[in-house]
mmCIF file of all heavy atoms, coordinates in Angstrom:
data_MODEL
# 
_entry.id   MODEL 
# 
loop_
_atom_site.group_PDB 
_atom_site.id 
_atom_site.type_symbol 
_atom_site.label_atom_id 
_atom_site.label_alt_id 
_atom_site.label_comp_id 
_atom_site.label_asym_id 
_atom_site.label_entity_id 
_atom_site.label_seq_id 
_atom_site.pdbx_PDB_ins_code 
_atom_site.Cartn_x 
_atom_site.Cartn_y 
_atom_site.Cartn_z 
_atom_site.occupancy 
_atom_site.B_iso_or_equiv 
_atom_site.pdbx_formal_charge 
_atom_site.auth_seq_id 
_atom_site.auth_comp_id 
_atom_site.auth_asym_id 
_atom_site.auth_atom_id 
_atom_site.pdbx_PDB_model_num 
ATOM 1   N N   . VAL A 1 1  ? -25.140 -3.454  21.346 1.00 0.00 ? 1  VAL A N   1 
ATOM 2   C CA  . VAL A 1 1  ? -24.290 -4.244  22.202 1.00 0.00 ? 1  VAL A CA  1 
ATOM 3   C C   . VAL A 1 1  ? -24.976 -4.664  23.463 1.00 0.00 ? 1  VAL A C   1 
ATOM 4   O O   . VAL A 1 1  ? -24.906 -5.872  23.890 1.00 0.00 ? 1  VAL A O   1 
ATOM 5   C CB  . VAL A 1 1  ? -22.977 -3.617  22.459 1.00 0.00 ? 1  VAL A CB  1 
ATOM 6   C CG1 . VAL A 1 1  ? -22.068 -4.328  23.500 1.00 0.00 ? 1  VAL A CG1 1 
ATOM 7   C CG2 . VAL A 1 1  ? -22.178 -3.300  21.198 1.00 0.00 ? 1  VAL A CG2 1 
ATOM 8   N N   . ALA A 1 2  ? -25.621 -3.796  24.124 1.00 0.00 ? 2  ALA A N   1 
ATOM 9   C CA  . ALA A 1 2  ? -26.328 -4.122  25.348 1.00 0.00 ? 2  ALA A CA  1 
ATOM 10  C C   . ALA A 1 2  ? -27.376 -5.131  25.192 1.00 0.00 ? 2  ALA A C   1 
ATOM 11  O O   . ALA A 1 2  ? -27.574 -6.093  25.999 1.00 0.00 ? 2  ALA A O   1 
ATOM 12  C CB  . ALA A 1 2  ? -27.027 -2.824  26.021 1.00 0.00 ? 2  ALA A CB  1 
ATOM 13  N N   . THR A 1 3  ? -28.082 -5.076  24.040 1.00 0.00 ? 3  THR A N   1 
ATOM 14  C CA  . THR A 1 3  ? -29.076 -6.038  23.706 1.00 0.00 ? 3  THR A CA  1 
ATOM 15  C C   . THR A 1 3  ? -28.623 -7.466  23.532 1.00 0.00 ? 3  THR A C   1 
ATOM 16  O O   . THR A 1 3  ? -29.155 -8.449  23.893 1.00 0.00 ? 3  THR A O   1 
ATOM 17  C CB  . THR A 1 3  ? -29.930 -5.544  22.406 1.00 0.00 ? 3  THR A CB  1 
ATOM 18  O OG1 . THR A 1 3  ? -30.355 -4.255  22.607 1.00 0.00 ? 3  THR A OG1 1 
ATOM 19  C CG2 . THR A 1 3  ? -31.110 -6.571  22.134 1.00 0.00 ? 3  THR A CG2 1 
ATOM 20  N N   . LEU A 1 4  ? -27.286 -7.501  22.857 1.00 0.00 ? 4  LEU A N   1 
ATOM 21  C CA  . LEU A 1 4  ? -26.732 -8.762  22.690 1.00 0.00 ? 4  LEU A CA  1 
ATOM 22  C C   . LEU A 1 4  ? -26.453 -9.410  24.093 1.00 0.00 ? 4  LEU A C   1 
ATOM 23  O O   . LEU A 1 4  ? -26.343 -10.638 24.149 1.00 0.00 ? 4  LEU A O   1 
ATOM 24  C CB  . LEU A 1 4  ? -25.342 -8.566  21.932 1.00 0.00 ? 4  LEU A CB  1 
ATOM 25  C CG  . LEU A 1 4  ? -25.544 -8.311  20.472 1.00 0.00 ? 4  LEU A CG  1 
ATOM 26  C CD1 . LEU A 1 4  ? -24.172 -8.104  19.843 1.00 0.00 ? 4  LEU A CD1 1 
ATOM 27  C CD2 . LEU A 1 4  ? -26.194 -9.498  19.678 1.00 0.00 ? 4  LEU A CD2 1 
ATOM 28  N N   . LEU A 1 5  ? -26.105 -8.607  25.062 1.00 0.00 ? 5  LEU A N   1 
ATOM 29  C CA  . LEU A 1 5  ? -25.586 -9.163  26.345 1.00 0.00 ? 5  LEU A CA  1 
ATOM 30  C C   . LEU A 1 5  ? -26.615 -9.527  27.328 1.00 0.00 ? 5  LEU A C   1 
ATOM 31  O O   . LEU A 1 5  ? -26.327 -9.925  28.468 1.00 0.00 ? 5  LEU A O   1 
ATOM 32  C CB  . LEU A 1 5  ? -24.622 -8.045  26.975 1.00 0.00 ? 5  LEU A CB  1 
ATOM 33  C CG  . LEU A 1 5  ? -23.330 -7.823  26.182 1.00 0.00 ? 5  LEU A CG  1 
ATOM 34  C CD1 . LEU A 1 5  ? -22.545 -6.720  26.981 1.00 0.00 ? 5  LEU A CD1 1 
ATOM 35  C CD2 . LEU A 1 5  ? -22.515 -9.055  25.954 1.00 0.00 ? 5  LEU A CD2 1 
ATOM 36  N N   . VAL A 1 6  ? -27.962 -9.395  26.995 1.00 0.00 ? 6  VAL A N   1 
ATOM 37  C CA  . VAL A 1 6  ? -28.944 -9.686  28.006 1.00 0.00 ? 6  VAL A CA  1 
ATOM 38  C C   . VAL A 1 6  ? -29.795 -10.913 27.389 1.00 0.00 ? 6  VAL A C   1 
ATOM 39  O O   . VAL A 1 6  ? -29.912 -11.074 26.240 1.00 0.00 ? 6  VAL A O   1 
ATOM 40  C CB  . VAL A 1 6  ? -29.882 -8.553  28.399 1.00 0.00 ? 6  VAL A CB  1 
ATOM 41  C CG1 . VAL A 1 6  ? -29.030 -7.401  28.966 1.00 0.00 ? 6  VAL A CG1 1 
ATOM 42  C CG2 . VAL A 1 6  ? -30.535 -8.131  27.126 1.00 0.00 ? 6  VAL A CG2 1 
ATOM 43  N N   . ARG A 1 7  ? -30.330 -11.644 28.361 1.00 0.00 ? 7  ARG A N   1 
ATOM 44  C CA  . ARG A 1 7  ? -31.160 -12.721 28.027 1.00 0.00 ? 7  ARG A CA  1 
ATOM 45  C C   . ARG A 1 7  ? -32.616 -12.294 28.370 1.00 0.00 ? 7  ARG A C   1 
ATOM 46  O O   . ARG A 1 7  ? -32.886 -11.484 29.160 1.00 0.00 ? 7  ARG A O   1 
ATOM 47  C CB  . ARG A 1 7  ? -30.819 -14.018 28.771 1.00 0.00 ? 7  ARG A CB  1 
ATOM 48  C CG  . ARG A 1 7  ? -29.620 -14.609 28.444 1.00 0.00 ? 7  ARG A CG  1 
ATOM 49  C CD  . ARG A 1 7  ? -29.413 -16.011 29.035 1.00 0.00 ? 7  ARG A CD  1 
ATOM 50  N NE  . ARG A 1 7  ? -28.228 -16.572 28.874 1.00 0.00 ? 7  ARG A NE  1 
ATOM 51  C CZ  . ARG A 1 7  ? -27.359 -17.036 29.724 1.00 0.00 ? 7  ARG A CZ  1 
ATOM 52  N NH1 . ARG A 1 7  ? -27.752 -16.989 31.077 1.00 0.00 ? 7  ARG A NH1 1 
ATOM 53  N NH2 . ARG A 1 7  ? -26.182 -17.414 29.503 1.00 0.00 ? 7  ARG A NH2 1 
ATOM 54  N N   . GLU A 1 8  ? -33.532 -12.951 27.714 1.00 0.00 ? 8  GLU A N   1 
ATOM 55  C CA  . GLU A 1 8  ? -35.024 -12.726 28.004 1.00 0.00 ? 8  GLU A CA  1 
ATOM 56  C C   . GLU A 1 8  ? -35.326 -13.057 29.503 1.00 0.00 ? 8  GLU A C   1 
ATOM 57  O O   . GLU A 1 8  ? -35.001 -14.185 29.902 1.00 0.00 ? 8  GLU A O   1 
ATOM 58  C CB  . GLU A 1 8  ? -35.899 -13.475 27.012 1.00 0.00 ? 8  GLU A CB  1 
ATOM 59  C CG  . GLU A 1 8  ? -35.779 -13.019 25.657 1.00 0.00 ? 8  GLU A CG  1 
ATOM 60  C CD  . GLU A 1 8  ? -36.501 -11.795 25.345 1.00 0.00 ? 8  GLU A CD  1 
ATOM 61  O OE1 . GLU A 1 8  ? -37.274 -11.222 26.273 1.00 0.00 ? 8  GLU A OE1 1 
ATOM 62  O OE2 . GLU A 1 8  ? -36.315 -11.216 24.265 1.00 0.00 ? 8  GLU A OE2 1 
ATOM 63  N N   . PRO A 1 9  ? -36.036 -12.163 30.179 1.00 0.00 ? 9  PRO A N   1 
ATOM 64  C CA  . PRO A 1 9  ? -36.601 -12.607 31.375 1.00 0.00 ? 9  PRO A CA  1 
ATOM 65  C C   . PRO A 1 9  ? -37.733 -13.578 31.293 1.00 0.00 ? 9  PRO A C   1 
ATOM 66  O O   . PRO A 1 9  ? -38.310 -13.644 30.088 1.00 0.00 ? 9  PRO A O   1 
ATOM 67  C CB  . PRO A 1 9  ? -37.143 -11.293 32.018 1.00 0.00 ? 9  PRO A CB  1 
ATOM 68  C CG  . PRO A 1 9  ? -37.440 -10.448 30.900 1.00 0.00 ? 9  PRO A CG  1 
ATOM 69  C CD  . PRO A 1 9  ? -36.489 -10.793 29.824 1.00 0.00 ? 9  PRO A CD  1 
ATOM 70  N N   . SER A 1 10 ? -38.030 -14.389 32.226 1.00 0.00 ? 10 SER A N   1 
ATOM 71  C CA  . SER A 1 10 ? -39.121 -15.361 32.138 1.00 0.00 ? 10 SER A CA  1 
ATOM 72  C C   . SER A 1 10 ? -40.440 -14.546 31.832 1.00 0.00 ? 10 SER A C   1 
ATOM 73  O O   . SER A 1 10 ? -40.701 -13.591 32.599 1.00 0.00 ? 10 SER A O   1 
ATOM 74  C CB  . SER A 1 10 ? -39.344 -16.160 33.371 1.00 0.00 ? 10 SER A CB  1 
ATOM 75  O OG  . SER A 1 10 ? -40.403 -16.925 33.376 1.00 0.00 ? 10 SER A OG  1 
ATOM 76  N N   . ARG A 1 11 ? -41.188 -15.056 30.914 1.00 0.00 ? 11 ARG A N   1 
ATOM 77  C CA  . ARG A 1 11 ? -42.537 -14.410 30.630 1.00 0.00 ? 11 ARG A CA  1 
ATOM 78  C C   . ARG A 1 11 ? -43.552 -14.573 31.798 1.00 0.00 ? 11 ARG A C   1 
ATOM 79  O O   . ARG A 1 11 ? -44.503 -13.807 31.899 1.00 0.00 ? 11 ARG A O   1 
ATOM 80  C CB  . ARG A 1 11 ? -43.093 -14.861 29.343 1.00 0.00 ? 11 ARG A CB  1 
ATOM 81  C CG  . ARG A 1 11 ? -42.210 -14.452 28.230 1.00 0.00 ? 11 ARG A CG  1 
ATOM 82  C CD  . ARG A 1 11 ? -42.911 -14.894 26.787 1.00 0.00 ? 11 ARG A CD  1 
ATOM 83  N NE  . ARG A 1 11 ? -41.929 -14.853 25.735 1.00 0.00 ? 11 ARG A NE  1 
ATOM 84  C CZ  . ARG A 1 11 ? -42.200 -15.140 24.473 1.00 0.00 ? 11 ARG A CZ  1 
ATOM 85  N NH1 . ARG A 1 11 ? -43.353 -15.542 24.229 1.00 0.00 ? 11 ARG A NH1 1 
ATOM 86  N NH2 . ARG A 1 11 ? -41.205 -15.202 23.541 1.00 0.00 ? 11 ARG A NH2 1 
ATOM 87  N N   . GLU A 1 12 ? -43.327 -15.572 32.627 1.00 0.00 ? 12 GLU A N   1 
ATOM 88  C CA  . GLU A 1 12 ? -44.112 -15.804 33.755 1.00 0.00 ? 12 GLU A CA  1 
ATOM 89  C C   . GLU A 1 12 ? -43.680 -15.193 35.110 1.00 0.00 ? 12 GLU A C   1 
ATOM 90  O O   . GLU A 1 12 ? -44.332 -15.346 36.032 1.00 0.00 ? 12 GLU A O   1 
ATOM 91  C CB  . GLU A 1 12 ? -44.340 -17.379 33.975 1.00 0.00 ? 12 GLU A CB  1 
ATOM 92  C CG  . GLU A 1 12 ? -44.782 -18.054 32.705 1.00 0.00 ? 12 GLU A CG  1 
ATOM 93  C CD  . GLU A 1 12 ? -46.173 -17.525 32.442 1.00 0.00 ? 12 GLU A CD  1 
ATOM 94  O OE1 . GLU A 1 12 ? -47.010 -17.314 33.250 1.00 0.00 ? 12 GLU A OE1 1 
ATOM 95  O OE2 . GLU A 1 12 ? -46.412 -17.352 31.157 1.00 0.00 ? 12 GLU A OE2 1 
ATOM 96  N N   . SER A 1 13 ? -42.488 -14.445 34.981 1.00 0.00 ? 13 SER A N   1 
ATOM 97  C CA  . SER A 1 13 ? -42.103 -13.865 36.234 1.00 0.00 ? 13 SER A CA  1 
ATOM 98  C C   . SER A 1 13 ? -43.045 -12.730 36.768 1.00 0.00 ? 13 SER A C   1 
ATOM 99  O O   . SER A 1 13 ? -43.732 -12.197 35.913 1.00 0.00 ? 13 SER A O   1 
ATOM 100 C CB  . SER A 1 13 ? -40.648 -13.228 36.007 1.00 0.00 ? 13 SER A CB  1 
ATOM 101 O OG  . SER A 1 13 ? -40.612 -12.341 35.037 1.00 0.00 ? 13 SER A OG  1 
ATOM 102 N N   . THR A 1 14 ? -43.013 -12.511 37.951 1.00 0.00 ? 14 THR A N   1 
ATOM 103 C CA  . THR A 1 14 ? -43.964 -11.555 38.578 1.00 0.00 ? 14 THR A CA  1 
ATOM 104 C C   . THR A 1 14 ? -43.415 -10.223 39.013 1.00 0.00 ? 14 THR A C   1 
ATOM 105 O O   . THR A 1 14 ? -44.176 -9.466  39.616 1.00 0.00 ? 14 THR A O   1 
ATOM 106 C CB  . THR A 1 14 ? -44.753 -12.353 39.738 1.00 0.00 ? 14 THR A CB  1 
ATOM 107 O OG1 . THR A 1 14 ? -43.759 -12.578 40.808 1.00 0.00 ? 14 THR A OG1 1 
ATOM 108 C CG2 . THR A 1 14 ? -45.352 -13.634 39.314 1.00 0.00 ? 14 THR A CG2 1 
ATOM 109 N N   . LEU A 1 15 ? -42.163 -10.090 39.033 1.00 0.00 ? 15 LEU A N   1 
ATOM 110 C CA  . LEU A 1 15 ? -41.530 -8.873  39.582 1.00 0.00 ? 15 LEU A CA  1 
ATOM 111 C C   . LEU A 1 15 ? -41.432 -8.948  41.117 1.00 0.00 ? 15 LEU A C   1 
ATOM 112 O O   . LEU A 1 15 ? -40.790 -8.108  41.716 1.00 0.00 ? 15 LEU A O   1 
ATOM 113 C CB  . LEU A 1 15 ? -42.120 -7.617  39.154 1.00 0.00 ? 15 LEU A CB  1 
ATOM 114 C CG  . LEU A 1 15 ? -41.958 -7.174  37.665 1.00 0.00 ? 15 LEU A CG  1 
ATOM 115 C CD1 . LEU A 1 15 ? -42.817 -5.837  37.498 1.00 0.00 ? 15 LEU A CD1 1 
ATOM 116 C CD2 . LEU A 1 15 ? -40.613 -6.939  37.329 1.00 0.00 ? 15 LEU A CD2 1 
ATOM 117 N N   . ASP A 1 16 ? -42.028 -9.891  41.791 1.00 0.00 ? 16 ASP A N   1 
ATOM 118 C CA  . ASP A 1 16 ? -42.000 -10.019 43.219 1.00 0.00 ? 16 ASP A CA  1 
ATOM 119 C C   . ASP A 1 16 ? -40.617 -10.552 43.683 1.00 0.00 ? 16 ASP A C   1 
ATOM 120 O O   . ASP A 1 16 ? -40.293 -11.773 43.395 1.00 0.00 ? 16 ASP A O   1 
ATOM 121 C CB  . ASP A 1 16 ? -43.020 -10.857 43.742 1.00 0.00 ? 16 ASP A CB  1 
ATOM 122 C CG  . ASP A 1 16 ? -44.468 -10.191 43.715 1.00 0.00 ? 16 ASP A CG  1 
ATOM 123 O OD1 . ASP A 1 16 ? -44.467 -9.033  43.748 1.00 0.00 ? 16 ASP A OD1 1 
ATOM 124 O OD2 . ASP A 1 16 ? -45.442 -10.968 43.369 1.00 0.00 ? 16 ASP A OD2 1 
ATOM 125 N N   . GLY A 1 17 ? -39.898 -9.826  44.565 1.00 0.00 ? 17 GLY A N   1 
ATOM 126 C CA  . GLY A 1 17 ? -38.658 -10.342 45.076 1.00 0.00 ? 17 GLY A CA  1 
ATOM 127 C C   . GLY A 1 17 ? -37.691 -10.888 44.019 1.00 0.00 ? 17 GLY A C   1 
ATOM 128 O O   . GLY A 1 17 ? -37.154 -11.951 44.200 1.00 0.00 ? 17 GLY A O   1 
ATOM 129 N N   . GLU A 1 18 ? -37.453 -10.206 42.943 1.00 0.00 ? 18 GLU A N   1 
ATOM 130 C CA  . GLU A 1 18 ? -36.893 -10.734 41.817 1.00 0.00 ? 18 GLU A CA  1 
ATOM 131 C C   . GLU A 1 18 ? -35.361 -10.647 41.617 1.00 0.00 ? 18 GLU A C   1 
ATOM 132 O O   . GLU A 1 18 ? -34.737 -10.392 40.687 1.00 0.00 ? 18 GLU A O   1 
ATOM 133 C CB  . GLU A 1 18 ? -37.495 -10.229 40.457 1.00 0.00 ? 18 GLU A CB  1 
ATOM 134 C CG  . GLU A 1 18 ? -38.889 -10.743 40.200 1.00 0.00 ? 18 GLU A CG  1 
ATOM 135 C CD  . GLU A 1 18 ? -39.232 -10.719 38.696 1.00 0.00 ? 18 GLU A CD  1 
ATOM 136 O OE1 . GLU A 1 18 ? -38.473 -9.956  37.962 1.00 0.00 ? 18 GLU A OE1 1 
ATOM 137 O OE2 . GLU A 1 18 ? -40.047 -11.381 38.293 1.00 0.00 ? 18 GLU A OE2 1 
ATOM 138 N N   . ASP A 1 19 ? -34.733 -10.887 42.784 1.00 0.00 ? 19 ASP A N   1 
ATOM 139 C CA  . ASP A 1 19 ? -33.177 -10.961 42.767 1.00 0.00 ? 19 ASP A CA  1 
ATOM 140 C C   . ASP A 1 19 ? -32.911 -12.012 41.786 1.00 0.00 ? 19 ASP A C   1 
ATOM 141 O O   . ASP A 1 19 ? -32.005 -11.818 40.954 1.00 0.00 ? 19 ASP A O   1 
ATOM 142 C CB  . ASP A 1 19 ? -32.695 -11.324 44.108 1.00 0.00 ? 19 ASP A CB  1 
ATOM 143 C CG  . ASP A 1 19 ? -32.887 -10.134 45.111 1.00 0.00 ? 19 ASP A CG  1 
ATOM 144 O OD1 . ASP A 1 19 ? -34.106 -10.038 45.483 1.00 0.00 ? 19 ASP A OD1 1 
ATOM 145 O OD2 . ASP A 1 19 ? -31.961 -9.379  45.396 1.00 0.00 ? 19 ASP A OD2 1 
ATOM 146 N N   . THR A 1 20 ? -33.456 -13.205 41.806 1.00 0.00 ? 20 THR A N   1 
ATOM 147 C CA  . THR A 1 20 ? -33.061 -14.272 40.828 1.00 0.00 ? 20 THR A CA  1 
ATOM 148 C C   . THR A 1 20 ? -33.561 -14.019 39.455 1.00 0.00 ? 20 THR A C   1 
ATOM 149 O O   . THR A 1 20 ? -32.864 -14.259 38.527 1.00 0.00 ? 20 THR A O   1 
ATOM 150 C CB  . THR A 1 20 ? -33.649 -15.673 41.396 1.00 0.00 ? 20 THR A CB  1 
ATOM 151 O OG1 . THR A 1 20 ? -35.012 -15.446 41.606 1.00 0.00 ? 20 THR A OG1 1 
ATOM 152 C CG2 . THR A 1 20 ? -33.095 -16.034 42.724 1.00 0.00 ? 20 THR A CG2 1 
ATOM 153 N N   . ALA A 1 21 ? -34.837 -13.467 39.358 1.00 0.00 ? 21 ALA A N   1 
ATOM 154 C CA  . ALA A 1 21 ? -35.364 -13.295 38.031 1.00 0.00 ? 21 ALA A CA  1 
ATOM 155 C C   . ALA A 1 21 ? -34.588 -12.199 37.400 1.00 0.00 ? 21 ALA A C   1 
ATOM 156 O O   . ALA A 1 21 ? -34.305 -12.282 36.131 1.00 0.00 ? 21 ALA A O   1 
ATOM 157 C CB  . ALA A 1 21 ? -36.823 -12.885 38.105 1.00 0.00 ? 21 ALA A CB  1 
ATOM 158 N N   . SER A 1 22 ? -34.108 -11.137 38.035 1.00 0.00 ? 22 SER A N   1 
ATOM 159 C CA  . SER A 1 22 ? -33.351 -10.139 37.492 1.00 0.00 ? 22 SER A CA  1 
ATOM 160 C C   . SER A 1 22 ? -31.981 -10.654 36.974 1.00 0.00 ? 22 SER A C   1 
ATOM 161 O O   . SER A 1 22 ? -31.512 -10.197 36.065 1.00 0.00 ? 22 SER A O   1 
ATOM 162 C CB  . SER A 1 22 ? -33.246 -8.969  38.419 1.00 0.00 ? 22 SER A CB  1 
ATOM 163 O OG  . SER A 1 22 ? -32.460 -9.308  39.548 1.00 0.00 ? 22 SER A OG  1 
ATOM 164 N N   . GLU A 1 23 ? -31.519 -11.527 37.799 1.00 0.00 ? 23 GLU A N   1 
ATOM 165 C CA  . GLU A 1 23 ? -30.141 -12.129 37.337 1.00 0.00 ? 23 GLU A CA  1 
ATOM 166 C C   . GLU A 1 23 ? -30.276 -13.000 36.222 1.00 0.00 ? 23 GLU A C   1 
ATOM 167 O O   . GLU A 1 23 ? -29.368 -13.104 35.371 1.00 0.00 ? 23 GLU A O   1 
ATOM 168 C CB  . GLU A 1 23 ? -29.550 -12.723 38.610 1.00 0.00 ? 23 GLU A CB  1 
ATOM 169 C CG  . GLU A 1 23 ? -29.174 -11.701 39.639 1.00 0.00 ? 23 GLU A CG  1 
ATOM 170 C CD  . GLU A 1 23 ? -28.144 -12.257 40.622 1.00 0.00 ? 23 GLU A CD  1 
ATOM 171 O OE1 . GLU A 1 23 ? -27.540 -13.332 40.349 1.00 0.00 ? 23 GLU A OE1 1 
ATOM 172 O OE2 . GLU A 1 23 ? -27.838 -11.566 41.718 1.00 0.00 ? 23 GLU A OE2 1 
ATOM 173 N N   . ARG A 1 24 ? -31.395 -13.662 36.129 1.00 0.00 ? 24 ARG A N   1 
ATOM 174 C CA  . ARG A 1 24 ? -31.735 -14.520 34.862 1.00 0.00 ? 24 ARG A CA  1 
ATOM 175 C C   . ARG A 1 24 ? -31.728 -13.681 33.660 1.00 0.00 ? 24 ARG A C   1 
ATOM 176 O O   . ARG A 1 24 ? -31.402 -14.086 32.623 1.00 0.00 ? 24 ARG A O   1 
ATOM 177 C CB  . ARG A 1 24 ? -32.963 -15.319 35.043 1.00 0.00 ? 24 ARG A CB  1 
ATOM 178 C CG  . ARG A 1 24 ? -32.851 -16.467 36.004 1.00 0.00 ? 24 ARG A CG  1 
ATOM 179 C CD  . ARG A 1 24 ? -34.013 -17.511 35.623 1.00 0.00 ? 24 ARG A CD  1 
ATOM 180 N NE  . ARG A 1 24 ? -35.306 -16.853 35.634 1.00 0.00 ? 24 ARG A NE  1 
ATOM 181 C CZ  . ARG A 1 24 ? -36.092 -16.782 36.804 1.00 0.00 ? 24 ARG A CZ  1 
ATOM 182 N NH1 . ARG A 1 24 ? -35.538 -17.244 37.910 1.00 0.00 ? 24 ARG A NH1 1 
ATOM 183 N NH2 . ARG A 1 24 ? -37.229 -16.215 36.636 1.00 0.00 ? 24 ARG A NH2 1 
# 
């Protein structure tokens, strides 16, 4: 169920200051 509820993060994201990336 948890896997169904999340989307893939961007493969180009860098983990730096990722408030927006984590929400994506």
